[in-house]
Amino acid sequence: MPEAPPAPLSVDEARRWRRSHNTVAPWRIVVWQVVVGVLVSLGVAWIWGANAAVSAAYGALAVVLPSALMVWGALRPRWADSATSVVRRFAVWELGKLGLTVAMLVMAPRWIGPVNWLALVAGFVVTMKVLGVAAWLYARRNHRTVSN
């Protein structure tokens, strides 16, 4: 026997549900990636000099630019979308993000000249980790909200 559909939430119930289920804004993560990329580039400039800082900044850009493009493409509102088309659109933009990232890394020597690969990888990895830190903070905040 099929289950009855769930009853709609009242305005207060919906408000409480939203408060207990915080979300992370994707654009906020991209902004934090930019901030972290700049900080890493400044740190690399302080330690290894300006040439290495360019490589670190390029590594950060190889994370930020594809992430911003994916957020823009995957989150454009389309009101008539089905769940399947939303997932498909997300997958297509994720593949585009990965392709652009690989292309940027492959083209680094041509676009920025001599590359300090250690600095580039440092900028890339540290900027990429912003997403993991955001997920950890989100889970920690939601756990604290639910347990209270």
C-alpha atoms as a PDB file:
ATOM      1  CA  MET A   1       0.000   0.000   0.000  1.00  0.00           C
ATOM      2  CA  PRO A   2       1.532   3.373  -0.995  1.00  0.00           C
ATOM      3  CA  GLU A   3       2.385   5.882   1.687  1.00  0.00           C
ATOM      4  CA  ALA A   4       0.427   9.092   1.949  1.00  0.00           C
ATOM      5  CA  PRO A   5       2.342  12.198   0.887  1.00  0.00           C
ATOM      6  CA  PRO A   6       3.767  14.221   3.768  1.00  0.00           C
ATOM      7  CA  ALA A   7       1.672  17.062   5.115  1.00  0.00           C
ATOM      8  CA  PRO A   8       2.845  20.547   4.099  1.00  0.00           C
ATOM      9  CA  LEU A   9       4.782  22.485   6.716  1.00  0.00           C
ATOM     10  CA  SER A  10       3.331  25.529   8.371  1.00  0.00           C
ATOM     11  CA  VAL A  11       5.206  28.830   8.050  1.00  0.00           C
ATOM     12  CA  ASP A  12       6.709  28.419  11.537  1.00  0.00           C
ATOM     13  CA  GLU A  13       7.685  24.800  10.903  1.00  0.00           C
ATOM     14  CA  ALA A  14       9.345  25.763   7.617  1.00  0.00           C
ATOM     15  CA  ARG A  15      11.236  28.603   9.336  1.00  0.00           C
ATOM     16  CA  ARG A  16      12.473  26.234  12.081  1.00  0.00           C
ATOM     17  CA  TRP A  17      13.488  23.643   9.483  1.00  0.00           C
ATOM     18  CA  ARG A  18      15.486  26.265   7.524  1.00  0.00           C
ATOM     19  CA  ARG A  19      17.249  27.428  10.695  1.00  0.00           C
ATOM     20  CA  SER A  20      18.240  23.867  11.596  1.00  0.00           C
ATOM     21  CA  HIS A  21      19.456  23.065   8.049  1.00  0.00           C
ATOM     22  CA  ASN A  22      22.012  25.749   7.266  1.00  0.00           C
ATOM     23  CA  THR A  23      23.501  25.835   3.792  1.00  0.00           C
ATOM     24  CA  VAL A  24      26.806  27.094   2.496  1.00  0.00           C
ATOM     25  CA  ALA A  25      26.449  29.674  -0.272  1.00  0.00           C
ATOM     26  CA  PRO A  26      28.585  28.521  -3.229  1.00  0.00           C
ATOM     27  CA  TRP A  27      29.599  32.081  -4.132  1.00  0.00           C
ATOM     28  CA  ARG A  28      30.829  32.597  -0.573  1.00  0.00           C
ATOM     29  CA  ILE A  29      33.171  29.621  -1.034  1.00  0.00           C
ATOM     30  CA  VAL A  30      34.490  31.110  -4.291  1.00  0.00           C
ATOM     31  CA  VAL A  31      35.133  34.425  -2.510  1.00  0.00           C
ATOM     32  CA  TRP A  32      37.013  32.605   0.262  1.00  0.00           C
ATOM     33  CA  GLN A  33      39.039  30.775  -2.380  1.00  0.00           C
ATOM     34  CA  VAL A  34      40.041  34.151  -3.832  1.00  0.00           C
ATOM     35  CA  VAL A  35      41.010  35.444  -0.375  1.00  0.00           C
ATOM     36  CA  VAL A  36      43.055  32.333   0.414  1.00  0.00           C
ATOM     37  CA  GLY A  37      44.696  32.418  -3.035  1.00  0.00           C
ATOM     38  CA  VAL A  38      45.787  36.011  -2.485  1.00  0.00           C
ATOM     39  CA  LEU A  39      47.119  35.200   0.996  1.00  0.00           C
ATOM     40  CA  VAL A  40      49.051  32.182  -0.287  1.00  0.00           C
ATOM     41  CA  SER A  41      50.512  34.277  -3.117  1.00  0.00           C
ATOM     42  CA  LEU A  42      51.589  36.968  -0.663  1.00  0.00           C
ATOM     43  CA  GLY A  43      53.157  34.343   1.607  1.00  0.00           C
ATOM     44  CA  VAL A  44      54.994  32.766  -1.301  1.00  0.00           C
ATOM     45  CA  ALA A  45      56.199  36.221  -2.421  1.00  0.00           C
ATOM     46  CA  TRP A  46      57.540  36.857   1.056  1.00  0.00           C
ATOM     47  CA  ILE A  47      59.351  33.495   1.192  1.00  0.00           C
ATOM     48  CA  TRP A  48      60.478  32.882  -2.416  1.00  0.00           C
ATOM     49  CA  GLY A  49      59.989  36.180  -4.259  1.00  0.00           C
ATOM     50  CA  ALA A  50      57.770  37.656  -6.928  1.00  0.00           C
ATOM     51  CA  ASN A  51      58.365  35.033  -9.634  1.00  0.00           C
ATOM     52  CA  ALA A  52      57.208  32.247  -7.351  1.00  0.00           C
ATOM     53  CA  ALA A  53      54.228  34.373  -6.265  1.00  0.00           C
ATOM     54  CA  VAL A  54      53.057  34.555  -9.885  1.00  0.00           C
ATOM     55  CA  SER A  55      53.108  30.756 -10.020  1.00  0.00           C
ATOM     56  CA  ALA A  56      51.218  30.489  -6.724  1.00  0.00           C
ATOM     57  CA  ALA A  57      48.637  33.012  -7.907  1.00  0.00           C
ATOM     58  CA  TYR A  58      48.220  31.072 -11.150  1.00  0.00           C
ATOM     59  CA  GLY A  59      47.734  27.850  -9.164  1.00  0.00           C
ATOM     60  CA  ALA A  60      45.026  29.568  -7.109  1.00  0.00           C
ATOM     61  CA  LEU A  61      43.450  30.933 -10.297  1.00  0.00           C
ATOM     62  CA  ALA A  62      43.349  27.393 -11.693  1.00  0.00           C
ATOM     63  CA  VAL A  63      40.973  26.616  -8.804  1.00  0.00           C
ATOM     64  CA  VAL A  64      38.998  29.858  -8.575  1.00  0.00           C
ATOM     65  CA  LEU A  65      38.179  30.440 -12.242  1.00  0.00           C
ATOM     66  CA  PRO A  66      36.760  26.947 -12.928  1.00  0.00           C
ATOM     67  CA  SER A  67      34.894  27.005  -9.585  1.00  0.00           C
ATOM     68  CA  ALA A  68      33.290  30.345 -10.376  1.00  0.00           C
ATOM     69  CA  LEU A  69      32.334  29.154 -13.852  1.00  0.00           C
ATOM     70  CA  MET A  70      30.781  26.003 -12.433  1.00  0.00           C
ATOM     71  CA  VAL A  71      28.817  27.872  -9.758  1.00  0.00           C
ATOM     72  CA  TRP A  72      27.556  30.321 -12.358  1.00  0.00           C
ATOM     73  CA  GLY A  73      26.503  27.583 -14.787  1.00  0.00           C
ATOM     74  CA  ALA A  74      25.107  25.025 -12.383  1.00  0.00           C
ATOM     75  CA  LEU A  75      23.105  27.449 -10.264  1.00  0.00           C
ATOM     76  CA  ARG A  76      21.442  29.534 -12.961  1.00  0.00           C
ATOM     77  CA  PRO A  77      17.740  29.404 -12.164  1.00  0.00           C
ATOM     78  CA  ARG A  78      15.557  27.403 -14.480  1.00  0.00           C
ATOM     79  CA  TRP A  79      12.146  27.010 -12.947  1.00  0.00           C
ATOM     80  CA  ALA A  80      10.880  24.210 -15.196  1.00  0.00           C
ATOM     81  CA  ASP A  81      13.814  21.878 -14.582  1.00  0.00           C
ATOM     82  CA  SER A  82      13.215  18.321 -13.488  1.00  0.00           C
ATOM     83  CA  ALA A  83      15.440  16.692 -10.904  1.00  0.00           C
ATOM     84  CA  THR A  84      17.132  14.688 -13.656  1.00  0.00           C
ATOM     85  CA  SER A  85      18.008  17.762 -15.703  1.00  0.00           C
ATOM     86  CA  VAL A  86      19.378  19.537 -12.597  1.00  0.00           C
ATOM     87  CA  VAL A  87      21.693  16.591 -11.877  1.00  0.00           C
ATOM     88  CA  ARG A  88      22.696  16.387 -15.540  1.00  0.00           C
ATOM     89  CA  ARG A  89      23.439  20.124 -15.668  1.00  0.00           C
ATOM     90  CA  PHE A  90      25.514  19.846 -12.476  1.00  0.00           C
ATOM     91  CA  ALA A  91      27.493  16.923 -13.923  1.00  0.00           C
ATOM     92  CA  VAL A  92      28.143  18.760 -17.205  1.00  0.00           C
ATOM     93  CA  TRP A  93      29.382  21.874 -15.401  1.00  0.00           C
ATOM     94  CA  GLU A  94      31.539  19.757 -13.072  1.00  0.00           C
ATOM     95  CA  LEU A  95      33.153  18.073 -16.088  1.00  0.00           C
ATOM     96  CA  GLY A  96      33.716  21.495 -17.628  1.00  0.00           C
ATOM     97  CA  LYS A  97      35.298  22.647 -14.382  1.00  0.00           C
ATOM     98  CA  LEU A  98      37.680  19.684 -14.347  1.00  0.00           C
ATOM     99  CA  GLY A  99      38.552  20.166 -18.028  1.00  0.00           C
ATOM    100  CA  LEU A 100      39.282  23.870 -17.575  1.00  0.00           C
ATOM    101  CA  THR A 101      41.421  23.142 -14.506  1.00  0.00           C
ATOM    102  CA  VAL A 102      43.509  20.572 -16.365  1.00  0.00           C
ATOM    103  CA  ALA A 103      43.829  22.865 -19.392  1.00  0.00           C
ATOM    104  CA  MET A 104      45.004  25.754 -17.203  1.00  0.00           C
ATOM    105  CA  LEU A 105      47.601  23.580 -15.483  1.00  0.00           C
ATOM    106  CA  VAL A 106      48.872  22.183 -18.789  1.00  0.00           C
ATOM    107  CA  MET A 107      49.086  25.680 -20.311  1.00  0.00           C
ATOM    108  CA  ALA A 108      50.853  27.239 -17.290  1.00  0.00           C
ATOM    109  CA  PRO A 109      54.357  27.257 -18.849  1.00  0.00           C
ATOM    110  CA  ARG A 110      53.056  28.904 -22.017  1.00  0.00           C
ATOM    111  CA  TRP A 111      50.905  31.517 -20.261  1.00  0.00           C
ATOM    112  CA  ILE A 112      53.110  32.568 -17.327  1.00  0.00           C
ATOM    113  CA  GLY A 113      56.584  31.680 -18.576  1.00  0.00           C
ATOM    114  CA  PRO A 114      59.002  29.906 -16.227  1.00  0.00           C
ATOM    115  CA  VAL A 115      56.932  28.102 -13.624  1.00  0.00           C
ATOM    116  CA  ASN A 116      57.896  27.453 -10.029  1.00  0.00           C
ATOM    117  CA  TRP A 117      55.949  24.204  -9.786  1.00  0.00           C
ATOM    118  CA  LEU A 118      56.231  23.954  -6.009  1.00  0.00           C
ATOM    119  CA  ALA A 119      54.670  27.406  -5.604  1.00  0.00           C
ATOM    120  CA  LEU A 120      51.992  26.653  -8.233  1.00  0.00           C
ATOM    121  CA  VAL A 121      51.006  23.415  -6.509  1.00  0.00           C
ATOM    122  CA  ALA A 122      51.004  25.171  -3.121  1.00  0.00           C
ATOM    123  CA  GLY A 123      48.646  27.848  -4.433  1.00  0.00           C
ATOM    124  CA  PHE A 124      46.480  25.205  -6.101  1.00  0.00           C
ATOM    125  CA  VAL A 125      46.238  22.803  -3.157  1.00  0.00           C
ATOM    126  CA  VAL A 126      45.750  25.378  -0.409  1.00  0.00           C
ATOM    127  CA  THR A 127      43.059  27.172  -2.431  1.00  0.00           C
ATOM    128  CA  MET A 128      41.377  23.854  -3.225  1.00  0.00           C
ATOM    129  CA  LYS A 129      41.249  22.982   0.488  1.00  0.00           C
ATOM    130  CA  VAL A 130      38.898  25.925   1.125  1.00  0.00           C
ATOM    131  CA  LEU A 131      36.060  23.685  -0.053  1.00  0.00           C
ATOM    132  CA  GLY A 132      36.995  20.990   2.470  1.00  0.00           C
ATOM    133  CA  VAL A 133      37.261  23.502   5.298  1.00  0.00           C
ATOM    134  CA  ALA A 134      33.874  24.971   4.353  1.00  0.00           C
ATOM    135  CA  ALA A 135      32.323  21.480   4.383  1.00  0.00           C
ATOM    136  CA  TRP A 136      33.882  20.757   7.777  1.00  0.00           C
ATOM    137  CA  LEU A 137      32.637  24.048   9.239  1.00  0.00           C
ATOM    138  CA  TYR A 138      29.181  23.443   7.753  1.00  0.00           C
ATOM    139  CA  ALA A 139      28.976  19.949   9.285  1.00  0.00           C
ATOM    140  CA  ARG A 140      30.246  21.230  12.617  1.00  0.00           C
ATOM    141  CA  ARG A 141      27.739  24.099  12.676  1.00  0.00           C
ATOM    142  CA  ASN A 142      24.842  21.824  11.700  1.00  0.00           C
ATOM    143  CA  HIS A 143      25.827  19.254  14.324  1.00  0.00           C
ATOM    144  CA  ARG A 144      25.893  21.970  16.963  1.00  0.00           C
ATOM    145  CA  THR A 145      22.484  23.336  15.789  1.00  0.00           C
ATOM    146  CA  VAL A 146      20.821  19.916  15.789  1.00  0.00           C
ATOM    147  CA  SER A 147      22.233  18.876  19.178  1.00  0.00           C
ATOM    148  CA  ASN A 148      21.015  22.067  20.906  1.00  0.00           C
END
